[in-house]
mmCIF file of all heavy atoms, coordinates in Angstrom:
data_MODEL
# 
_entry.id   MODEL 
# 
loop_
_atom_site.group_PDB 
_atom_site.id 
_atom_site.type_symbol 
_atom_site.label_atom_id 
_atom_site.label_alt_id 
_atom_site.label_comp_id 
_atom_site.label_asym_id 
_atom_site.label_entity_id 
_atom_site.label_seq_id 
_atom_site.pdbx_PDB_ins_code 
_atom_site.Cartn_x 
_atom_site.Cartn_y 
_atom_site.Cartn_z 
_atom_site.occupancy 
_atom_site.B_iso_or_equiv 
_atom_site.pdbx_formal_charge 
_atom_site.auth_seq_id 
_atom_site.auth_comp_id 
_atom_site.auth_asym_id 
_atom_site.auth_atom_id 
_atom_site.pdbx_PDB_model_num 
ATOM 1   N N   . VAL A 1 1  ? 107.548 106.770 16.032 1.00 0.00 ? 1  VAL A N   1 
ATOM 2   C CA  . VAL A 1 1  ? 107.776 106.926 14.693 1.00 0.00 ? 1  VAL A CA  1 
ATOM 3   C C   . VAL A 1 1  ? 107.038 105.851 13.869 1.00 0.00 ? 1  VAL A C   1 
ATOM 4   O O   . VAL A 1 1  ? 106.282 106.384 12.879 1.00 0.00 ? 1  VAL A O   1 
ATOM 5   C CB  . VAL A 1 1  ? 109.322 106.824 14.339 1.00 0.00 ? 1  VAL A CB  1 
ATOM 6   C CG1 . VAL A 1 1  ? 109.573 106.861 12.846 1.00 0.00 ? 1  VAL A CG1 1 
ATOM 7   C CG2 . VAL A 1 1  ? 110.119 107.983 15.003 1.00 0.00 ? 1  VAL A CG2 1 
ATOM 8   N N   . ARG A 1 2  ? 107.037 104.714 14.212 1.00 0.00 ? 2  ARG A N   1 
ATOM 9   C CA  . ARG A 1 2  ? 106.255 103.634 13.469 1.00 0.00 ? 2  ARG A CA  1 
ATOM 10  C C   . ARG A 1 2  ? 104.717 103.999 13.557 1.00 0.00 ? 2  ARG A C   1 
ATOM 11  O O   . ARG A 1 2  ? 104.079 103.993 12.521 1.00 0.00 ? 2  ARG A O   1 
ATOM 12  C CB  . ARG A 1 2  ? 106.591 102.354 14.020 1.00 0.00 ? 2  ARG A CB  1 
ATOM 13  C CG  . ARG A 1 2  ? 105.757 101.150 13.391 1.00 0.00 ? 2  ARG A CG  1 
ATOM 14  C CD  . ARG A 1 2  ? 106.010 99.835  13.975 1.00 0.00 ? 2  ARG A CD  1 
ATOM 15  N NE  . ARG A 1 2  ? 105.851 99.840  15.430 1.00 0.00 ? 2  ARG A NE  1 
ATOM 16  C CZ  . ARG A 1 2  ? 104.662 99.691  16.023 1.00 0.00 ? 2  ARG A CZ  1 
ATOM 17  N NH1 . ARG A 1 2  ? 103.474 99.672  15.279 1.00 0.00 ? 2  ARG A NH1 1 
ATOM 18  N NH2 . ARG A 1 2  ? 104.552 99.617  17.373 1.00 0.00 ? 2  ARG A NH2 1 
ATOM 19  N N   . GLU A 1 3  ? 104.200 104.194 14.677 1.00 0.00 ? 3  GLU A N   1 
ATOM 20  C CA  . GLU A 1 3  ? 102.734 104.405 14.933 1.00 0.00 ? 3  GLU A CA  1 
ATOM 21  C C   . GLU A 1 3  ? 102.339 105.630 14.142 1.00 0.00 ? 3  GLU A C   1 
ATOM 22  O O   . GLU A 1 3  ? 101.176 105.686 13.658 1.00 0.00 ? 3  GLU A O   1 
ATOM 23  C CB  . GLU A 1 3  ? 102.390 104.419 16.365 1.00 0.00 ? 3  GLU A CB  1 
ATOM 24  C CG  . GLU A 1 3  ? 102.384 103.044 17.016 1.00 0.00 ? 3  GLU A CG  1 
ATOM 25  C CD  . GLU A 1 3  ? 101.288 102.125 16.698 1.00 0.00 ? 3  GLU A CD  1 
ATOM 26  O OE1 . GLU A 1 3  ? 100.386 102.617 15.929 1.00 0.00 ? 3  GLU A OE1 1 
ATOM 27  O OE2 . GLU A 1 3  ? 101.288 100.992 17.038 1.00 0.00 ? 3  GLU A OE2 1 
ATOM 28  N N   . THR A 1 4  ? 103.103 106.633 14.188 1.00 0.00 ? 4  THR A N   1 
ATOM 29  C CA  . THR A 1 4  ? 102.776 107.977 13.488 1.00 0.00 ? 4  THR A CA  1 
ATOM 30  C C   . THR A 1 4  ? 102.541 107.700 12.033 1.00 0.00 ? 4  THR A C   1 
ATOM 31  O O   . THR A 1 4  ? 101.576 108.003 11.391 1.00 0.00 ? 4  THR A O   1 
ATOM 32  C CB  . THR A 1 4  ? 103.732 108.970 13.712 1.00 0.00 ? 4  THR A CB  1 
ATOM 33  O OG1 . THR A 1 4  ? 103.806 109.273 15.113 1.00 0.00 ? 4  THR A OG1 1 
ATOM 34  C CG2 . THR A 1 4  ? 103.464 110.382 13.006 1.00 0.00 ? 4  THR A CG2 1 
ATOM 35  N N   . GLY A 1 5  ? 103.446 106.971 11.430 1.00 0.00 ? 5  GLY A N   1 
ATOM 36  C CA  . GLY A 1 5  ? 103.306 106.501 9.978  1.00 0.00 ? 5  GLY A CA  1 
ATOM 37  C C   . GLY A 1 5  ? 102.122 105.805 9.793  1.00 0.00 ? 5  GLY A C   1 
ATOM 38  O O   . GLY A 1 5  ? 101.408 105.886 8.693  1.00 0.00 ? 5  GLY A O   1 
ATOM 39  N N   . GLU A 1 6  ? 101.909 104.804 10.630 1.00 0.00 ? 6  GLU A N   1 
ATOM 40  C CA  . GLU A 1 6  ? 100.756 103.819 10.381 1.00 0.00 ? 6  GLU A CA  1 
ATOM 41  C C   . GLU A 1 6  ? 99.430  104.502 10.571 1.00 0.00 ? 6  GLU A C   1 
ATOM 42  O O   . GLU A 1 6  ? 98.409  104.220 9.807  1.00 0.00 ? 6  GLU A O   1 
ATOM 43  C CB  . GLU A 1 6  ? 100.918 102.781 11.404 1.00 0.00 ? 6  GLU A CB  1 
ATOM 44  C CG  . GLU A 1 6  ? 101.982 101.709 11.128 1.00 0.00 ? 6  GLU A CG  1 
ATOM 45  C CD  . GLU A 1 6  ? 102.251 100.656 12.096 1.00 0.00 ? 6  GLU A CD  1 
ATOM 46  O OE1 . GLU A 1 6  ? 101.420 100.615 13.105 1.00 0.00 ? 6  GLU A OE1 1 
ATOM 47  O OE2 . GLU A 1 6  ? 103.254 99.827  11.929 1.00 0.00 ? 6  GLU A OE2 1 
ATOM 48  N N   . GLU A 1 7  ? 99.310  105.409 11.529 1.00 0.00 ? 7  GLU A N   1 
ATOM 49  C CA  . GLU A 1 7  ? 97.996  106.018 11.857 1.00 0.00 ? 7  GLU A CA  1 
ATOM 50  C C   . GLU A 1 7  ? 97.615  107.150 11.136 1.00 0.00 ? 7  GLU A C   1 
ATOM 51  O O   . GLU A 1 7  ? 96.443  107.397 10.887 1.00 0.00 ? 7  GLU A O   1 
ATOM 52  C CB  . GLU A 1 7  ? 97.908  106.188 13.424 1.00 0.00 ? 7  GLU A CB  1 
ATOM 53  C CG  . GLU A 1 7  ? 97.874  104.963 14.231 1.00 0.00 ? 7  GLU A CG  1 
ATOM 54  C CD  . GLU A 1 7  ? 97.333  105.237 15.624 1.00 0.00 ? 7  GLU A CD  1 
ATOM 55  O OE1 . GLU A 1 7  ? 96.838  106.327 15.906 1.00 0.00 ? 7  GLU A OE1 1 
ATOM 56  O OE2 . GLU A 1 7  ? 97.314  104.334 16.384 1.00 0.00 ? 7  GLU A OE2 1 
ATOM 57  N N   . ILE A 1 8  ? 98.593  108.094 10.936 1.00 0.00 ? 8  ILE A N   1 
ATOM 58  C CA  . ILE A 1 8  ? 98.186  109.395 10.206 1.00 0.00 ? 8  ILE A CA  1 
ATOM 59  C C   . ILE A 1 8  ? 99.158  109.653 8.912  1.00 0.00 ? 8  ILE A C   1 
ATOM 60  O O   . ILE A 1 8  ? 98.978  110.712 8.407  1.00 0.00 ? 8  ILE A O   1 
ATOM 61  C CB  . ILE A 1 8  ? 98.324  110.618 11.179 1.00 0.00 ? 8  ILE A CB  1 
ATOM 62  C CG1 . ILE A 1 8  ? 99.732  110.702 11.831 1.00 0.00 ? 8  ILE A CG1 1 
ATOM 63  C CG2 . ILE A 1 8  ? 97.205  110.334 12.287 1.00 0.00 ? 8  ILE A CG2 1 
ATOM 64  C CD1 . ILE A 1 8  ? 99.884  111.920 12.594 1.00 0.00 ? 8  ILE A CD1 1 
ATOM 65  N N   . GLY A 1 9  ? 99.914  108.687 8.643  1.00 0.00 ? 9  GLY A N   1 
ATOM 66  C CA  . GLY A 1 9  ? 100.621 108.908 7.278  1.00 0.00 ? 9  GLY A CA  1 
ATOM 67  C C   . GLY A 1 9  ? 101.714 109.937 7.170  1.00 0.00 ? 9  GLY A C   1 
ATOM 68  O O   . GLY A 1 9  ? 101.955 110.360 6.099  1.00 0.00 ? 9  GLY A O   1 
ATOM 69  N N   . ILE A 1 10 ? 102.235 110.334 8.301  1.00 0.00 ? 10 ILE A N   1 
ATOM 70  C CA  . ILE A 1 10 ? 103.293 111.393 8.181  1.00 0.00 ? 10 ILE A CA  1 
ATOM 71  C C   . ILE A 1 10 ? 104.572 110.906 8.700  1.00 0.00 ? 10 ILE A C   1 
ATOM 72  O O   . ILE A 1 10 ? 104.635 109.821 9.306  1.00 0.00 ? 10 ILE A O   1 
ATOM 73  C CB  . ILE A 1 10 ? 103.024 112.618 8.985  1.00 0.00 ? 10 ILE A CB  1 
ATOM 74  C CG1 . ILE A 1 10 ? 102.869 112.435 10.431 1.00 0.00 ? 10 ILE A CG1 1 
ATOM 75  C CG2 . ILE A 1 10 ? 101.670 113.430 8.485  1.00 0.00 ? 10 ILE A CG2 1 
ATOM 76  C CD1 . ILE A 1 10 ? 102.744 113.708 11.327 1.00 0.00 ? 10 ILE A CD1 1 
ATOM 77  N N   . ALA A 1 11 ? 105.628 111.450 8.409  1.00 0.00 ? 11 ALA A N   1 
ATOM 78  C CA  . ALA A 1 11 ? 107.011 111.016 8.869  1.00 0.00 ? 11 ALA A CA  1 
ATOM 79  C C   . ALA A 1 11 ? 107.589 112.033 9.846  1.00 0.00 ? 11 ALA A C   1 
ATOM 80  O O   . ALA A 1 11 ? 107.426 113.298 9.620  1.00 0.00 ? 11 ALA A O   1 
ATOM 81  C CB  . ALA A 1 11 ? 107.989 110.954 7.712  1.00 0.00 ? 11 ALA A CB  1 
ATOM 82  N N   . ILE A 1 12 ? 107.946 111.475 11.020 1.00 0.00 ? 12 ILE A N   1 
ATOM 83  C CA  . ILE A 1 12 ? 108.527 112.340 12.001 1.00 0.00 ? 12 ILE A CA  1 
ATOM 84  C C   . ILE A 1 12 ? 109.949 111.717 12.322 1.00 0.00 ? 12 ILE A C   1 
ATOM 85  O O   . ILE A 1 12 ? 110.301 110.585 12.089 1.00 0.00 ? 12 ILE A O   1 
ATOM 86  C CB  . ILE A 1 12 ? 107.799 112.379 13.390 1.00 0.00 ? 12 ILE A CB  1 
ATOM 87  C CG1 . ILE A 1 12 ? 107.620 110.982 13.930 1.00 0.00 ? 12 ILE A CG1 1 
ATOM 88  C CG2 . ILE A 1 12 ? 106.471 113.013 13.100 1.00 0.00 ? 12 ILE A CG2 1 
ATOM 89  C CD1 . ILE A 1 12 ? 107.024 111.046 15.306 1.00 0.00 ? 12 ILE A CD1 1 
ATOM 90  N N   . ASP A 1 13 ? 110.868 112.644 12.712 1.00 0.00 ? 13 ASP A N   1 
ATOM 91  C CA  . ASP A 1 13 ? 112.241 112.351 13.083 1.00 0.00 ? 13 ASP A CA  1 
ATOM 92  C C   . ASP A 1 13 ? 112.228 112.144 14.572 1.00 0.00 ? 13 ASP A C   1 
ATOM 93  O O   . ASP A 1 13 ? 111.833 113.135 15.393 1.00 0.00 ? 13 ASP A O   1 
ATOM 94  C CB  . ASP A 1 13 ? 113.089 113.475 12.714 1.00 0.00 ? 13 ASP A CB  1 
ATOM 95  C CG  . ASP A 1 13 ? 114.560 113.246 13.017 1.00 0.00 ? 13 ASP A CG  1 
ATOM 96  O OD1 . ASP A 1 13 ? 114.880 112.345 13.793 1.00 0.00 ? 13 ASP A OD1 1 
ATOM 97  O OD2 . ASP A 1 13 ? 115.442 113.940 12.459 1.00 0.00 ? 13 ASP A OD2 1 
ATOM 98  N N   . ALA A 1 14 ? 112.666 110.983 15.110 1.00 0.00 ? 14 ALA A N   1 
ATOM 99  C CA  . ALA A 1 14 ? 112.648 110.806 16.594 1.00 0.00 ? 14 ALA A CA  1 
ATOM 100 C C   . ALA A 1 14 ? 113.518 111.832 17.304 1.00 0.00 ? 14 ALA A C   1 
ATOM 101 O O   . ALA A 1 14 ? 113.198 112.284 18.441 1.00 0.00 ? 14 ALA A O   1 
ATOM 102 C CB  . ALA A 1 14 ? 113.247 109.323 16.909 1.00 0.00 ? 14 ALA A CB  1 
ATOM 103 N N   . ALA A 1 15 ? 114.457 112.514 16.696 1.00 0.00 ? 15 ALA A N   1 
ATOM 104 C CA  . ALA A 1 15 ? 115.291 113.527 17.314 1.00 0.00 ? 15 ALA A CA  1 
ATOM 105 C C   . ALA A 1 15 ? 114.489 114.774 17.476 1.00 0.00 ? 15 ALA A C   1 
ATOM 106 O O   . ALA A 1 15 ? 114.857 115.568 18.308 1.00 0.00 ? 15 ALA A O   1 
ATOM 107 C CB  . ALA A 1 15 ? 116.604 113.680 16.433 1.00 0.00 ? 15 ALA A CB  1 
ATOM 108 N N   . GLU A 1 16 ? 113.396 114.904 16.801 1.00 0.00 ? 16 GLU A N   1 
ATOM 109 C CA  . GLU A 1 16 ? 112.493 116.061 17.028 1.00 0.00 ? 16 GLU A CA  1 
ATOM 110 C C   . GLU A 1 16 ? 111.477 115.967 17.990 1.00 0.00 ? 16 GLU A C   1 
ATOM 111 O O   . GLU A 1 16 ? 110.700 116.800 18.294 1.00 0.00 ? 16 GLU A O   1 
ATOM 112 C CB  . GLU A 1 16 ? 111.843 116.386 15.568 1.00 0.00 ? 16 GLU A CB  1 
ATOM 113 C CG  . GLU A 1 16 ? 112.772 116.743 14.397 1.00 0.00 ? 16 GLU A CG  1 
ATOM 114 C CD  . GLU A 1 16 ? 113.227 118.204 14.655 1.00 0.00 ? 16 GLU A CD  1 
ATOM 115 O OE1 . GLU A 1 16 ? 112.633 118.979 15.189 1.00 0.00 ? 16 GLU A OE1 1 
ATOM 116 O OE2 . GLU A 1 16 ? 114.391 118.425 14.165 1.00 0.00 ? 16 GLU A OE2 1 
ATOM 117 N N   . ALA A 1 17 ? 111.324 114.709 18.505 1.00 0.00 ? 17 ALA A N   1 
ATOM 118 C CA  . ALA A 1 17 ? 110.219 114.433 19.508 1.00 0.00 ? 17 ALA A CA  1 
ATOM 119 C C   . ALA A 1 17 ? 110.786 114.892 20.920 1.00 0.00 ? 17 ALA A C   1 
ATOM 120 O O   . ALA A 1 17 ? 111.750 114.508 21.317 1.00 0.00 ? 17 ALA A O   1 
ATOM 121 C CB  . ALA A 1 17 ? 109.938 112.958 19.485 1.00 0.00 ? 17 ALA A CB  1 
ATOM 122 N N   . ARG A 1 18 ? 109.877 115.679 21.581 1.00 0.00 ? 18 ARG A N   1 
ATOM 123 C CA  . ARG A 1 18 ? 110.257 116.122 22.932 1.00 0.00 ? 18 ARG A CA  1 
ATOM 124 C C   . ARG A 1 18 ? 109.371 115.432 23.930 1.00 0.00 ? 18 ARG A C   1 
ATOM 125 O O   . ARG A 1 18 ? 108.129 115.386 23.874 1.00 0.00 ? 18 ARG A O   1 
ATOM 126 C CB  . ARG A 1 18 ? 110.065 117.549 22.929 1.00 0.00 ? 18 ARG A CB  1 
ATOM 127 C CG  . ARG A 1 18 ? 110.401 118.264 24.372 1.00 0.00 ? 18 ARG A CG  1 
ATOM 128 C CD  . ARG A 1 18 ? 110.108 119.709 24.304 1.00 0.00 ? 18 ARG A CD  1 
ATOM 129 N NE  . ARG A 1 18 ? 108.740 120.003 24.425 1.00 0.00 ? 18 ARG A NE  1 
ATOM 130 C CZ  . ARG A 1 18 ? 108.036 120.068 25.549 1.00 0.00 ? 18 ARG A CZ  1 
ATOM 131 N NH1 . ARG A 1 18 ? 108.522 119.668 26.713 1.00 0.00 ? 18 ARG A NH1 1 
ATOM 132 N NH2 . ARG A 1 18 ? 106.713 120.362 25.421 1.00 0.00 ? 18 ARG A NH2 1 
ATOM 133 N N   . PHE A 1 19 ? 109.900 114.812 24.902 1.00 0.00 ? 19 PHE A N   1 
ATOM 134 C CA  . PHE A 1 19 ? 109.135 114.155 25.936 1.00 0.00 ? 19 PHE A CA  1 
ATOM 135 C C   . PHE A 1 19 ? 108.197 115.311 26.635 1.00 0.00 ? 19 PHE A C   1 
ATOM 136 O O   . PHE A 1 19 ? 108.742 116.385 26.854 1.00 0.00 ? 19 PHE A O   1 
ATOM 137 C CB  . PHE A 1 19 ? 109.997 113.647 27.096 1.00 0.00 ? 19 PHE A CB  1 
ATOM 138 C CG  . PHE A 1 19 ? 109.273 113.227 28.303 1.00 0.00 ? 19 PHE A CG  1 
ATOM 139 C CD1 . PHE A 1 19 ? 108.488 112.004 28.188 1.00 0.00 ? 19 PHE A CD1 1 
ATOM 140 C CD2 . PHE A 1 19 ? 109.248 113.900 29.439 1.00 0.00 ? 19 PHE A CD2 1 
ATOM 141 C CE1 . PHE A 1 19 ? 107.731 111.616 29.277 1.00 0.00 ? 19 PHE A CE1 1 
ATOM 142 C CE2 . PHE A 1 19 ? 108.468 113.563 30.566 1.00 0.00 ? 19 PHE A CE2 1 
ATOM 143 C CZ  . PHE A 1 19 ? 107.793 112.463 30.521 1.00 0.00 ? 19 PHE A CZ  1 
ATOM 144 N N   . ALA A 1 20 ? 106.908 115.005 26.789 1.00 0.00 ? 20 ALA A N   1 
ATOM 145 C CA  . ALA A 1 20 ? 105.961 115.948 27.255 1.00 0.00 ? 20 ALA A CA  1 
ATOM 146 C C   . ALA A 1 20 ? 105.279 115.623 28.496 1.00 0.00 ? 20 ALA A C   1 
ATOM 147 O O   . ALA A 1 20 ? 105.061 116.431 29.355 1.00 0.00 ? 20 ALA A O   1 
ATOM 148 C CB  . ALA A 1 20 ? 104.906 116.225 26.162 1.00 0.00 ? 20 ALA A CB  1 
ATOM 149 N N   . HIS A 1 21 ? 104.937 114.287 28.692 1.00 0.00 ? 21 HIS A N   1 
ATOM 150 C CA  . HIS A 1 21 ? 104.236 113.934 29.817 1.00 0.00 ? 21 HIS A CA  1 
ATOM 151 C C   . HIS A 1 21 ? 104.169 112.384 29.954 1.00 0.00 ? 21 HIS A C   1 
ATOM 152 O O   . HIS A 1 21 ? 104.202 111.710 28.954 1.00 0.00 ? 21 HIS A O   1 
ATOM 153 C CB  . HIS A 1 21 ? 102.693 114.442 29.820 1.00 0.00 ? 21 HIS A CB  1 
ATOM 154 C CG  . HIS A 1 21 ? 102.116 114.217 31.165 1.00 0.00 ? 21 HIS A CG  1 
ATOM 155 N ND1 . HIS A 1 21 ? 102.255 115.091 32.235 1.00 0.00 ? 21 HIS A ND1 1 
ATOM 156 C CD2 . HIS A 1 21 ? 101.151 113.320 31.638 1.00 0.00 ? 21 HIS A CD2 1 
ATOM 157 C CE1 . HIS A 1 21 ? 101.593 114.693 33.341 1.00 0.00 ? 21 HIS A CE1 1 
ATOM 158 N NE2 . HIS A 1 21 ? 100.869 113.715 32.959 1.00 0.00 ? 21 HIS A NE2 1 
ATOM 159 N N   . LEU A 1 22 ? 104.210 111.914 31.260 1.00 0.00 ? 22 LEU A N   1 
ATOM 160 C CA  . LEU A 1 22 ? 104.007 110.379 31.578 1.00 0.00 ? 22 LEU A CA  1 
ATOM 161 C C   . LEU A 1 22 ? 102.825 110.244 32.390 1.00 0.00 ? 22 LEU A C   1 
ATOM 162 O O   . LEU A 1 22 ? 102.847 110.990 33.471 1.00 0.00 ? 22 LEU A O   1 
ATOM 163 C CB  . LEU A 1 22 ? 105.234 109.982 32.116 1.00 0.00 ? 22 LEU A CB  1 
ATOM 164 C CG  . LEU A 1 22 ? 105.181 108.466 32.585 1.00 0.00 ? 22 LEU A CG  1 
ATOM 165 C CD1 . LEU A 1 22 ? 105.354 107.479 31.364 1.00 0.00 ? 22 LEU A CD1 1 
ATOM 166 C CD2 . LEU A 1 22 ? 106.208 108.064 33.530 1.00 0.00 ? 22 LEU A CD2 1 
ATOM 167 N N   . VAL A 1 23 ? 101.837 109.479 32.015 1.00 0.00 ? 23 VAL A N   1 
ATOM 168 C CA  . VAL A 1 23 ? 100.735 109.055 32.995 1.00 0.00 ? 23 VAL A CA  1 
ATOM 169 C C   . VAL A 1 23 ? 100.925 107.644 33.334 1.00 0.00 ? 23 VAL A C   1 
ATOM 170 O O   . VAL A 1 23 ? 100.980 106.737 32.416 1.00 0.00 ? 23 VAL A O   1 
ATOM 171 C CB  . VAL A 1 23 ? 99.314  109.172 32.366 1.00 0.00 ? 23 VAL A CB  1 
ATOM 172 C CG1 . VAL A 1 23 ? 98.288  108.663 33.269 1.00 0.00 ? 23 VAL A CG1 1 
ATOM 173 C CG2 . VAL A 1 23 ? 99.129  110.529 31.822 1.00 0.00 ? 23 VAL A CG2 1 
ATOM 174 N N   . HIS A 1 24 ? 101.203 107.267 34.596 1.00 0.00 ? 24 HIS A N   1 
ATOM 175 C CA  . HIS A 1 24 ? 101.212 105.842 35.057 1.00 0.00 ? 24 HIS A CA  1 
ATOM 176 C C   . HIS A 1 24 ? 99.831  105.673 35.639 1.00 0.00 ? 24 HIS A C   1 
ATOM 177 O O   . HIS A 1 24 ? 99.357  106.239 36.523 1.00 0.00 ? 24 HIS A O   1 
ATOM 178 C CB  . HIS A 1 24 ? 102.294 105.711 36.157 1.00 0.00 ? 24 HIS A CB  1 
ATOM 179 C CG  . HIS A 1 24 ? 102.566 104.310 36.673 1.00 0.00 ? 24 HIS A CG  1 
ATOM 180 N ND1 . HIS A 1 24 ? 102.905 104.024 37.830 1.00 0.00 ? 24 HIS A ND1 1 
ATOM 181 C CD2 . HIS A 1 24 ? 102.383 103.212 36.013 1.00 0.00 ? 24 HIS A CD2 1 
ATOM 182 C CE1 . HIS A 1 24 ? 103.193 102.727 37.960 1.00 0.00 ? 24 HIS A CE1 1 
ATOM 183 N NE2 . HIS A 1 24 ? 102.658 102.142 36.850 1.00 0.00 ? 24 HIS A NE2 1 
ATOM 184 N N   . HIS A 1 25 ? 99.198  104.772 34.792 1.00 0.00 ? 25 HIS A N   1 
ATOM 185 C CA  . HIS A 1 25 ? 97.758  104.682 35.110 1.00 0.00 ? 25 HIS A CA  1 
ATOM 186 C C   . HIS A 1 25 ? 97.371  103.185 35.178 1.00 0.00 ? 25 HIS A C   1 
ATOM 187 O O   . HIS A 1 25 ? 98.190  102.308 34.680 1.00 0.00 ? 25 HIS A O   1 
ATOM 188 C CB  . HIS A 1 25 ? 96.756  105.392 34.190 1.00 0.00 ? 25 HIS A CB  1 
ATOM 189 C CG  . HIS A 1 25 ? 96.852  104.978 32.731 1.00 0.00 ? 25 HIS A CG  1 
ATOM 190 N ND1 . HIS A 1 25 ? 95.795  104.398 32.081 1.00 0.00 ? 25 HIS A ND1 1 
ATOM 191 C CD2 . HIS A 1 25 ? 97.943  105.066 31.732 1.00 0.00 ? 25 HIS A CD2 1 
ATOM 192 C CE1 . HIS A 1 25 ? 96.042  104.166 30.784 1.00 0.00 ? 25 HIS A CE1 1 
ATOM 193 N NE2 . HIS A 1 25 ? 97.308  104.553 30.660 1.00 0.00 ? 25 HIS A NE2 1 
ATOM 194 N N   . TYR A 1 26 ? 96.185  102.797 35.718 1.00 0.00 ? 26 TYR A N   1 
ATOM 195 C CA  . TYR A 1 26 ? 95.553  101.506 35.805 1.00 0.00 ? 26 TYR A CA  1 
ATOM 196 C C   . TYR A 1 26 ? 94.327  101.617 35.064 1.00 0.00 ? 26 TYR A C   1 
ATOM 197 O O   . TYR A 1 26 ? 93.344  102.155 35.541 1.00 0.00 ? 26 TYR A O   1 
ATOM 198 C CB  . TYR A 1 26 ? 95.495  101.126 37.304 1.00 0.00 ? 26 TYR A CB  1 
ATOM 199 C CG  . TYR A 1 26 ? 95.307  99.566  37.402 1.00 0.00 ? 26 TYR A CG  1 
ATOM 200 C CD1 . TYR A 1 26 ? 96.455  98.732  37.465 1.00 0.00 ? 26 TYR A CD1 1 
ATOM 201 C CD2 . TYR A 1 26 ? 94.063  99.025  37.258 1.00 0.00 ? 26 TYR A CD2 1 
ATOM 202 C CE1 . TYR A 1 26 ? 96.290  97.371  37.683 1.00 0.00 ? 26 TYR A CE1 1 
ATOM 203 C CE2 . TYR A 1 26 ? 93.857  97.622  37.328 1.00 0.00 ? 26 TYR A CE2 1 
ATOM 204 C CZ  . TYR A 1 26 ? 94.972  96.867  37.509 1.00 0.00 ? 26 TYR A CZ  1 
ATOM 205 O OH  . TYR A 1 26 ? 94.817  95.449  37.592 1.00 0.00 ? 26 TYR A OH  1 
ATOM 206 N N   . THR A 1 27 ? 94.333  100.997 33.943 1.00 0.00 ? 27 THR A N   1 
ATOM 207 C CA  . THR A 1 27 ? 93.142  100.818 33.150 1.00 0.00 ? 27 THR A CA  1 
ATOM 208 C C   . THR A 1 27 ? 93.095  99.262  32.744 1.00 0.00 ? 27 THR A C   1 
ATOM 209 O O   . THR A 1 27 ? 93.528  98.996  31.755 1.00 0.00 ? 27 THR A O   1 
ATOM 210 C CB  . THR A 1 27 ? 93.103  101.623 31.939 1.00 0.00 ? 27 THR A CB  1 
ATOM 211 O OG1 . THR A 1 27 ? 93.520  102.966 32.269 1.00 0.00 ? 27 THR A OG1 1 
ATOM 212 C CG2 . THR A 1 27 ? 91.865  101.719 31.091 1.00 0.00 ? 27 THR A CG2 1 
# 
């Protein structure tokens, strides 16, 4: 929610966010 507002200036509701994918990576 915080990063969305900071990066693209829109408001999202955390309750509307659906988990989509997890990448466990080494970079």
